[in-house]
Protein backbone atom coordinates (compact mmCIF):
# COMPACT_ATOMS: atom_id res chain seq x y z
CA MET A 1 -84.78 -303.32 -94.84
CA ARG A 2 -85.46 -303.02 -91.13
CA GLU A 3 -89.10 -301.50 -91.14
CA GLY A 4 -91.33 -303.47 -89.01
CA GLY A 5 -94.29 -304.77 -90.44
CA LEU A 6 -93.44 -303.97 -94.08
CA LEU A 7 -94.05 -306.13 -96.74
CA PHE A 8 -90.81 -308.23 -97.57
CA VAL A 9 -89.98 -309.04 -101.12
CA PHE A 10 -86.22 -309.99 -101.20
CA ALA A 11 -84.09 -309.28 -104.23
CA LEU A 12 -77.31 -322.96 -102.26
CA LEU A 13 -75.72 -330.72 -102.19
CA LEU A 14 -75.01 -335.05 -100.27
CA ALA A 15 -71.33 -336.02 -101.11
CA GLY A 16 -68.05 -336.17 -99.41
CA CYS A 17 -65.32 -333.51 -99.36
CA GLY A 18 -62.42 -333.70 -101.70
CA ASP A 19 -59.05 -333.88 -100.24
CA GLY A 20 -57.89 -330.50 -101.95
CA THR A 21 -54.85 -332.23 -103.58
CA SER A 22 -56.47 -332.41 -107.03
CA SER A 23 -58.34 -330.14 -109.31
CA GLN A 24 -60.12 -332.96 -111.20
CA ASN A 25 -62.17 -336.10 -110.37
CA GLY A 26 -62.03 -339.47 -112.18
CA ALA A 27 -64.31 -338.21 -114.79
CA GLY A 28 -61.94 -335.43 -116.03
CA ARG A 29 -63.97 -332.66 -114.41
CA LYS A 30 -62.57 -330.06 -112.26
CA VAL A 31 -63.87 -330.30 -108.69
CA ILE A 32 -65.22 -327.48 -106.61
CA THR A 33 -65.57 -328.28 -102.65
CA VAL A 34 -68.27 -326.49 -100.75
CA TYR A 35 -68.60 -326.46 -97.00
CA SER A 36 -72.22 -325.89 -96.14
CA PRO A 37 -75.15 -326.45 -93.68
CA HIS A 38 -77.76 -325.97 -96.43
CA GLY A 39 -79.09 -329.53 -96.31
CA LYS A 40 -81.57 -330.36 -98.99
CA LEU A 41 -80.52 -327.47 -101.15
CA LYS A 42 -77.20 -329.05 -101.94
CA PRO A 43 -77.80 -331.97 -104.40
CA GLU A 44 -80.33 -329.90 -106.43
CA THR A 45 -78.38 -326.82 -106.77
CA GLY A 46 -75.27 -329.05 -107.37
CA ALA A 47 -77.05 -330.76 -110.17
CA ARG A 48 -78.21 -327.59 -111.82
CA PHE A 49 -74.66 -326.07 -111.51
CA GLU A 50 -73.14 -329.19 -113.22
CA ALA A 51 -75.65 -329.07 -116.02
CA ALA A 52 -74.73 -325.35 -116.61
CA HIS A 53 -70.96 -326.02 -116.38
CA PRO A 54 -70.41 -329.37 -117.65
CA GLY A 55 -66.65 -329.21 -117.03
CA TRP A 56 -67.12 -329.06 -113.24
CA LYS A 57 -68.16 -331.14 -110.48
CA VAL A 58 -69.46 -329.85 -106.98
CA GLU A 59 -68.36 -331.97 -103.85
CA PHE A 60 -70.13 -330.93 -100.47
CA LEU A 61 -69.15 -331.42 -96.84
CA ASP A 62 -72.37 -331.11 -94.76
CA LEU A 63 -71.44 -329.13 -91.61
CA GLY A 64 -73.55 -327.16 -89.07
CA GLY A 65 -73.06 -323.35 -89.91
CA GLY A 66 -71.24 -322.89 -86.42
CA GLU A 67 -68.67 -325.71 -87.39
CA ILE A 68 -67.26 -324.53 -90.57
CA LEU A 69 -65.19 -321.52 -89.13
CA THR A 70 -63.15 -324.05 -87.10
CA ARG A 71 -62.61 -326.47 -90.13
CA LEU A 72 -61.19 -323.46 -92.20
CA GLN A 73 -59.00 -322.51 -89.14
CA GLU A 74 -57.70 -325.87 -89.01
CA GLU A 75 -57.01 -325.86 -92.81
CA LYS A 76 -55.46 -322.43 -93.01
CA GLY A 77 -52.43 -322.63 -95.16
CA ARG A 78 -53.62 -325.74 -97.08
CA PRO A 79 -57.15 -325.05 -97.79
CA VAL A 80 -59.48 -328.01 -98.98
CA CYS A 81 -62.62 -325.86 -99.60
CA ASP A 82 -63.30 -323.60 -102.22
CA VAL A 83 -66.60 -322.09 -101.18
CA TRP A 84 -68.26 -321.61 -97.83
CA TRP A 85 -72.13 -321.58 -98.33
CA GLY A 86 -74.47 -320.71 -95.40
CA GLY A 87 -73.94 -319.79 -91.86
CA ALA A 88 -74.06 -316.56 -89.63
CA PRO A 89 -72.46 -313.41 -90.63
CA GLY A 90 -70.50 -313.25 -87.42
CA ASP A 91 -68.69 -316.24 -88.32
CA PHE A 92 -68.04 -315.11 -91.79
CA ASN A 93 -66.81 -311.71 -90.31
CA ARG A 94 -64.47 -313.67 -87.82
CA ALA A 95 -63.05 -315.63 -90.74
CA ALA A 96 -62.39 -312.41 -92.67
CA LYS A 97 -60.46 -311.03 -89.78
CA LEU A 98 -58.41 -314.28 -89.71
CA GLY A 99 -57.46 -313.84 -93.22
CA LEU A 100 -59.57 -317.07 -94.40
CA LEU A 101 -61.63 -315.49 -96.88
CA GLU A 102 -60.94 -314.09 -100.52
CA PRO A 103 -62.75 -310.80 -101.27
CA TYR A 104 -65.15 -311.15 -104.18
CA ALA A 105 -67.80 -308.59 -105.03
CA PRO A 106 -69.42 -308.51 -108.32
CA ASP A 107 -70.91 -305.49 -109.57
CA TRP A 108 -74.55 -306.57 -108.81
CA THR A 109 -73.55 -306.64 -105.04
CA LYS A 110 -73.58 -302.77 -105.23
CA ILE A 111 -77.35 -302.73 -104.89
CA LEU A 112 -77.31 -304.98 -101.73
CA PRO A 113 -78.15 -303.24 -98.43
CA PRO A 114 -75.43 -302.88 -96.04
CA GLU A 115 -76.47 -305.68 -93.70
CA ALA A 116 -76.39 -308.17 -96.66
CA LYS A 117 -72.66 -307.74 -97.50
CA ALA A 118 -69.31 -307.38 -96.01
CA ALA A 119 -67.95 -303.88 -96.34
CA ASP A 120 -64.55 -305.54 -97.56
CA GLY A 121 -66.35 -307.82 -100.08
CA SER A 122 -65.30 -310.85 -98.15
CA TRP A 123 -68.98 -312.30 -98.34
CA VAL A 124 -72.31 -311.37 -99.78
CA ALA A 125 -75.81 -312.53 -98.56
CA THR A 126 -77.77 -315.20 -100.72
CA PHE A 127 -80.96 -315.48 -98.39
CA ARG A 128 -82.68 -313.61 -95.63
CA THR A 129 -83.89 -316.15 -92.94
CA PRO A 130 -86.73 -315.39 -90.45
CA GLU A 131 -86.65 -317.12 -87.27
CA VAL A 132 -89.79 -318.79 -86.06
CA ILE A 133 -91.32 -321.26 -83.11
CA LEU A 134 -91.75 -324.71 -84.31
CA PHE A 135 -94.27 -326.95 -82.93
CA ASN A 136 -96.10 -330.40 -83.20
CA PRO A 137 -99.67 -329.73 -83.85
CA GLN A 138 -100.34 -333.35 -82.79
CA LYS A 139 -99.27 -332.18 -79.25
CA ILE A 140 -100.09 -328.60 -79.23
CA LYS A 141 -102.89 -326.65 -80.49
CA ARG A 142 -101.88 -323.76 -82.75
CA GLU A 143 -103.88 -321.06 -80.71
CA ASP A 144 -101.90 -322.06 -77.72
CA VAL A 145 -98.56 -321.57 -79.20
CA PRO A 146 -96.72 -318.46 -77.86
CA LYS A 147 -96.94 -315.57 -80.25
CA THR A 148 -93.73 -313.89 -78.56
CA TRP A 149 -90.45 -315.09 -77.44
CA ASP A 150 -91.32 -313.98 -73.96
CA GLY A 151 -94.31 -316.71 -74.04
CA LEU A 152 -91.84 -319.58 -74.13
CA LEU A 153 -90.66 -318.61 -70.52
CA ASP A 154 -94.41 -319.49 -69.28
CA GLU A 155 -94.18 -322.45 -66.82
CA LYS A 156 -96.85 -324.31 -68.83
CA TRP A 157 -93.78 -325.07 -71.46
CA ARG A 158 -91.61 -326.65 -68.61
CA GLY A 159 -90.19 -329.73 -70.00
CA LYS A 160 -91.88 -329.41 -73.40
CA ILE A 161 -89.15 -327.48 -75.12
CA VAL A 162 -86.35 -329.24 -76.95
CA ILE A 163 -83.62 -327.07 -78.47
CA ARG A 164 -80.93 -327.70 -81.19
CA ASP A 165 -77.36 -327.61 -79.53
CA VAL A 166 -76.44 -323.95 -80.01
CA ARG A 167 -72.74 -323.49 -80.61
CA PRO A 168 -72.80 -325.65 -83.74
CA SER A 169 -75.90 -324.16 -85.17
CA ALA A 170 -75.86 -320.72 -86.92
CA THR A 171 -79.73 -320.57 -86.43
CA MET A 172 -79.64 -320.95 -82.78
CA LYS A 173 -76.51 -318.76 -82.22
CA THR A 174 -78.45 -315.95 -83.98
CA ILE A 175 -81.62 -316.52 -82.05
CA PHE A 176 -79.88 -316.53 -78.64
CA SER A 177 -77.72 -313.53 -79.37
CA ALA A 178 -80.61 -311.72 -80.79
CA LEU A 179 -82.44 -312.37 -77.44
CA ILE A 180 -79.57 -311.24 -75.22
CA LEU A 181 -79.33 -308.03 -77.44
CA ARG A 182 -83.04 -307.39 -77.05
CA GLU A 183 -82.83 -307.80 -73.14
CA LYS A 184 -79.84 -305.72 -73.01
CA SER A 185 -81.72 -302.83 -74.80
CA ARG A 186 -84.69 -303.10 -72.38
CA ALA A 187 -82.67 -303.31 -69.11
CA GLY A 188 -79.35 -301.55 -70.15
CA ASN A 189 -77.02 -304.46 -69.32
CA VAL A 190 -76.26 -307.65 -70.84
CA GLU A 191 -76.91 -309.77 -67.67
CA ALA A 192 -80.65 -309.36 -68.35
CA GLY A 193 -80.00 -311.31 -71.56
CA PHE A 194 -78.48 -314.34 -69.78
CA GLU A 195 -81.20 -314.23 -66.97
CA PHE A 196 -83.70 -314.69 -70.06
CA LEU A 197 -81.68 -317.65 -71.26
CA LYS A 198 -81.72 -318.97 -67.71
CA LYS A 199 -85.32 -319.04 -67.78
CA LEU A 200 -85.50 -320.56 -71.08
CA ASP A 201 -83.28 -323.30 -70.16
CA ALA A 202 -85.43 -323.89 -67.02
CA ASN A 203 -88.26 -324.86 -69.47
CA THR A 204 -86.01 -326.75 -71.75
CA GLY A 205 -86.67 -330.52 -71.31
CA SER A 206 -83.66 -331.51 -73.82
CA TYR A 207 -81.14 -330.48 -76.11
CA ALA A 208 -80.69 -332.21 -79.58
CA ALA A 209 -77.11 -332.71 -81.27
CA ASN A 210 -78.54 -331.99 -84.79
CA PRO A 211 -81.67 -330.99 -86.63
CA ASN A 212 -82.66 -334.59 -87.47
CA VAL A 213 -82.55 -335.56 -83.69
CA LEU A 214 -84.28 -332.49 -82.87
CA TYR A 215 -87.60 -333.33 -85.36
CA GLU A 216 -87.43 -337.08 -84.07
CA MET A 217 -87.69 -335.92 -80.49
CA MET A 218 -90.63 -333.75 -81.26
CA GLN A 219 -92.32 -336.48 -83.09
CA ARG A 220 -92.09 -339.46 -80.97
CA GLU A 221 -94.18 -339.99 -77.63
CA GLY A 222 -93.34 -337.74 -74.85
CA PRO A 223 -93.69 -334.10 -73.76
CA LEU A 224 -91.19 -332.62 -76.17
CA ALA A 225 -93.17 -330.56 -78.74
CA ILE A 226 -92.02 -326.91 -79.38
CA THR A 227 -88.43 -325.37 -80.27
CA LEU A 228 -86.97 -322.24 -81.86
CA TRP A 229 -86.09 -322.65 -85.55
CA ASN A 230 -86.03 -320.89 -88.94
CA LEU A 231 -88.77 -320.26 -91.58
CA PRO A 232 -87.30 -322.24 -94.59
CA ASP A 233 -86.74 -325.40 -92.58
CA ALA A 234 -90.26 -325.16 -90.92
CA GLN A 235 -91.85 -324.69 -94.26
CA GLN A 236 -90.12 -327.66 -95.70
CA LEU A 237 -91.35 -329.88 -92.89
CA VAL A 238 -94.84 -328.74 -93.47
CA ALA A 239 -94.47 -329.37 -97.19
CA GLU A 240 -93.23 -332.87 -96.47
CA LYS A 241 -96.44 -333.49 -94.58
CA ARG A 242 -94.51 -334.11 -91.26
CA PRO A 243 -96.35 -333.20 -88.09
CA PHE A 244 -94.98 -329.90 -87.81
CA ASP A 245 -96.30 -326.18 -87.89
CA TYR A 246 -94.82 -322.86 -87.06
CA VAL A 247 -95.75 -319.41 -85.77
CA ILE A 248 -93.53 -316.24 -86.52
CA PRO A 249 -93.30 -314.36 -83.48
CA GLU A 250 -93.56 -310.69 -83.13
CA GLN A 251 -90.27 -308.88 -83.24
CA THR A 252 -88.33 -311.86 -84.83
CA PRO A 253 -84.75 -311.71 -85.83
CA VAL A 254 -84.30 -311.84 -89.76
CA PRO A 255 -80.45 -312.67 -90.30
CA VAL A 256 -79.00 -312.98 -93.65
CA GLU A 257 -76.84 -316.02 -94.83
CA PRO A 258 -73.84 -315.46 -96.59
CA VAL A 259 -71.50 -317.20 -99.29
CA ALA A 260 -67.98 -316.60 -99.58
CA ILE A 261 -64.74 -317.89 -101.41
CA VAL A 262 -62.07 -319.37 -99.25
CA LYS A 263 -58.53 -317.58 -99.47
CA GLY A 264 -56.02 -319.90 -101.24
CA ALA A 265 -59.15 -322.04 -102.62
CA PRO A 266 -57.65 -324.97 -104.63
CA ASN A 267 -60.11 -323.92 -107.72
CA PRO A 268 -60.64 -320.35 -107.50
CA ASP A 269 -62.00 -320.00 -110.94
CA GLY A 270 -64.67 -322.71 -110.01
CA ALA A 271 -65.32 -320.92 -106.76
CA ARG A 272 -66.16 -317.77 -108.56
CA LEU A 273 -68.48 -319.69 -110.76
CA PHE A 274 -70.30 -321.33 -108.11
CA HIS A 275 -70.54 -318.07 -106.21
CA ASP A 276 -72.19 -316.47 -109.25
CA PHE A 277 -74.43 -319.19 -109.78
CA VAL A 278 -75.96 -319.40 -106.37
CA ASN A 279 -76.56 -315.67 -106.48
CA SER A 280 -77.99 -315.63 -110.08
CA PRO A 281 -81.67 -314.59 -110.27
CA ALA A 282 -82.65 -317.75 -111.94
CA GLU A 283 -81.40 -319.86 -109.10
CA LEU A 284 -82.57 -317.78 -106.42
CA LEU A 285 -86.16 -317.81 -107.94
CA ILE A 286 -85.89 -321.58 -108.05
CA LEU A 287 -84.79 -321.75 -104.50
CA ALA A 288 -87.72 -319.36 -103.47
CA LYS A 289 -90.30 -321.40 -105.37
CA GLU A 290 -89.09 -324.91 -104.36
CA ARG A 291 -87.25 -324.61 -101.07
CA PHE A 292 -88.81 -321.34 -99.52
CA ARG A 293 -85.61 -319.37 -99.35
CA ILE A 294 -86.24 -315.59 -99.30
CA PRO A 295 -83.60 -313.91 -101.57
CA ALA A 296 -81.29 -311.23 -100.28
CA ARG A 297 -81.15 -309.67 -103.63
CA THR A 298 -83.72 -306.74 -104.04
CA ASP A 299 -83.83 -306.66 -107.87
CA LEU A 300 -85.72 -309.77 -108.50
CA PRO A 301 -89.00 -309.52 -110.38
CA ALA A 302 -91.61 -309.32 -107.70
CA ASP A 303 -94.36 -311.12 -109.78
CA GLN A 304 -91.80 -314.16 -110.19
CA LEU A 305 -91.69 -314.78 -106.53
CA PRO A 306 -93.99 -317.20 -104.71
CA GLN A 307 -97.35 -315.57 -103.54
CA TRP A 308 -96.70 -316.23 -99.80
CA MET A 309 -93.29 -314.40 -100.14
CA ARG A 310 -94.90 -311.37 -102.05
CA GLU A 311 -97.57 -311.28 -99.13
CA LEU A 312 -95.32 -311.93 -96.24
CA LYS A 313 -95.15 -309.42 -93.30
CA LEU A 314 -92.66 -309.47 -90.81
CA ASP A 315 -92.04 -307.50 -87.76
CA PRO A 316 -88.22 -307.49 -87.42
CA MET A 317 -86.59 -307.40 -84.29
CA PRO A 318 -84.54 -304.11 -84.27
CA LEU A 319 -80.95 -305.22 -83.59
CA ASP A 320 -77.42 -303.86 -83.90
CA TRP A 321 -76.05 -306.57 -86.16
CA ASN A 322 -72.63 -305.49 -85.86
CA GLU A 323 -72.88 -305.98 -82.02
CA LEU A 324 -74.52 -309.33 -82.35
CA GLN A 325 -71.66 -310.37 -84.76
CA GLU A 326 -68.96 -309.25 -82.60
CA HIS A 327 -70.11 -310.86 -79.46
CA SER A 328 -71.94 -313.86 -80.37
CA GLU A 329 -69.33 -316.31 -80.05
CA GLU A 330 -68.16 -315.12 -76.66
CA TRP A 331 -71.91 -315.07 -75.42
CA MET A 332 -72.57 -318.55 -76.62
CA VAL A 333 -69.27 -319.86 -74.99
CA ARG A 334 -70.57 -318.23 -71.79
CA TRP A 335 -74.27 -319.70 -72.14
CA ASP A 336 -72.56 -323.28 -72.75
CA GLY A 337 -70.47 -322.99 -69.65
CA GLU A 338 -72.78 -321.35 -67.44
CA ILE A 339 -76.21 -321.84 -68.15
CA LYS A 340 -77.09 -325.08 -70.38
CA GLY A 341 -78.84 -327.53 -68.40
CA ARG A 342 -78.01 -325.99 -65.18
CA ASN A 343 -81.42 -324.19 -64.34
CA LYS A 344 -83.84 -327.13 -63.83
CA ALA A 345 -86.69 -326.18 -61.44
CA PRO A 346 -86.84 -328.59 -58.40
């Protein structure tokens, strides 16, 4: 669904990671190990899964979406993880090419649009995640917040922008790669995209190692007040009554977030159970209502989705997602080596 301005109605856990050497924990339940960046979704979804499948226990390792691929590569041949839940499709595609994922495509996946699943069945999408501009309304008036990505380049934002360190973050990799592609489409060459990121770096006052540090920097005294982020996390911050608000920019990227089974998973039966559970209509509706997650499935009853989701209108950035996924990692390596922190104005 790429139509700009159309109504979007689209038809997941804090514990340590198991060592992969045993299929059962001390209580006699079989263990499913999940690598995921999905924060507060994990304990709730894990508890619901264990209630529905009392013979199983879910253990999670909390990693950034951009860190999981590296972990799986290190564990190839002796995998610890059963399920990878959340991140950027490009990382999942790279994992599939490296032989790290086990294809699994239940019948319901046939109705998913092409951008919400891998052609070889190695992953399917659980969510669609629009990107936003997040800000602290105690420092910035809503009417002054940029309504476009280009607005972040205005000199008035110099030193006020803080950005989550890009390479470990699926969200930031997607936003930066999308902006490179957008500028390439305008100018006809990829260098225009890197020039955009140089200007953004010049306005960036600091980089944050992880989301919690990002939020802390925006809340404490000082100029840092605005960032590039994603809609579900922004809505969660607002729901927690923390000093945050957001704007959905014109032509924003709307990526999908996949789930996949790891090849050679210690507990493949449990992996399939968990995969089916997080993609089930019942769980997706709970996550839509309680955690602001837009389902990738298009066959959910519209009247059971939250009202804000039924009314949500987006103007998706037109993107060649295949090109983005193919080049995102190399682009971010270049950004990290040539641009990050190197463009401060005198």
